[in-house]
Every structure is written in C-alpha cells, then in structure tokens.
Amino acid sequence: MKLGDKVSISPQITDREDWIDGVIIDIENNPFAGIVITAKSEDGEVFFEKEDLFKLLGEEACTP
C-alpha cells in the first residue's frame, strides 16, 4: 500500500455495517503497532488503524 491508494476500510474501524471506500493519506511505521494506515473516506471522515483492517480496492477474494 502507498499514499493515494484507494482502499476499503473495515467496519471494525468505522463502526458501520459494511466496508466503506477511502484513500490512504498517511502511512506510519509505528514501533509498537507496526504499519498504521490513515485513510480518508468519501464523506471526509478520517480513520487510522493497523494495515490489516484495510483492503486495497480490487483485492477481492477470487472464487472459482
């Protein structure tokens, strides 16, 4: 992941029912938590958390 990438943000962060879309605005290598992503949603809210609670858009699970 890199700055400007479009991501889906987990409901665990947003407290909403479904994943929402956003754009990465900051990436921090936190010595205690690891990689922390900050993303801004389409409605202007800003969320930050460990990178495993964000998915790059287009990284859907492939099913045969």
Protein backbone atom coordinates (compact mmCIF):
# COMPACT_ATOMS: atom_id res chain seq x y z
CA MET A 1 0.00 0.00 0.00
CA LYS A 2 1.11 3.54 -0.71
CA LEU A 3 -0.16 7.11 -0.39
CA GLY A 4 -3.09 7.79 -2.68
CA ASP A 5 -4.16 4.13 -2.99
CA LYS A 6 -7.91 3.52 -2.84
CA VAL A 7 -8.87 1.17 -0.03
CA SER A 8 -11.84 -0.38 1.70
CA ILE A 9 -12.00 0.41 5.41
CA SER A 10 -13.16 -2.26 7.86
CA PRO A 11 -16.39 -1.85 9.83
CA GLN A 12 -14.29 -2.59 12.94
CA ILE A 13 -12.79 0.88 12.50
CA THR A 14 -15.79 2.81 11.17
CA ASP A 15 -18.48 1.23 13.37
CA ARG A 16 -20.69 0.94 10.28
CA GLU A 17 -22.42 -2.15 8.92
CA ASP A 18 -20.30 -2.53 5.77
CA TRP A 19 -16.83 -1.74 4.47
CA ILE A 20 -16.53 1.81 3.12
CA ASP A 21 -14.15 3.22 0.49
CA GLY A 22 -11.42 5.75 1.13
CA VAL A 23 -7.98 6.96 0.08
CA ILE A 24 -4.72 6.49 2.01
CA ILE A 25 -3.47 9.86 3.25
CA ASP A 26 -0.69 8.69 5.61
CA ILE A 27 1.36 5.58 6.38
CA GLU A 28 3.28 5.30 9.66
CA ASN A 29 5.77 2.66 10.70
CA ASN A 30 4.88 2.60 14.39
CA PRO A 31 7.47 0.76 16.51
CA PHE A 32 4.76 -0.62 18.80
CA ALA A 33 1.81 -1.31 16.47
CA GLY A 34 3.57 -1.92 13.15
CA ILE A 35 2.31 -0.32 9.95
CA VAL A 36 -0.55 2.11 10.68
CA ILE A 37 -2.66 3.36 7.78
CA THR A 38 -4.64 6.62 7.83
CA ALA A 39 -7.39 6.86 5.24
CA LYS A 40 -9.98 9.49 4.41
CA SER A 41 -13.44 8.22 3.46
CA GLU A 42 -15.50 9.56 0.57
CA ASP A 43 -17.59 11.58 3.06
CA GLY A 44 -14.49 13.21 4.59
CA GLU A 45 -14.08 11.17 7.79
CA VAL A 46 -10.54 10.10 8.70
CA PHE A 47 -9.77 6.64 10.11
CA PHE A 48 -6.49 5.08 11.22
CA GLU A 49 -5.56 1.59 12.35
CA LYS A 50 -3.19 -1.30 11.62
CA GLU A 51 -2.89 -2.11 7.94
CA ASP A 52 -4.70 -5.46 8.21
CA LEU A 53 -8.04 -3.63 8.66
CA PHE A 54 -7.72 -2.03 5.20
CA LYS A 55 -8.03 -3.74 1.81
CA LEU A 56 -6.77 -2.34 -1.46
CA LEU A 57 -9.75 -1.89 -3.76
CA GLY A 58 -9.69 -4.66 -6.33
CA GLU A 59 -8.25 -7.21 -3.88
CA GLU A 60 -11.43 -9.23 -3.60
CA ALA A 61 -11.16 -12.92 -2.83
CA CYS A 62 -11.01 -14.95 -6.02
CA THR A 63 -13.53 -17.77 -6.15
CA PRO A 64 -13.65 -20.34 -8.98
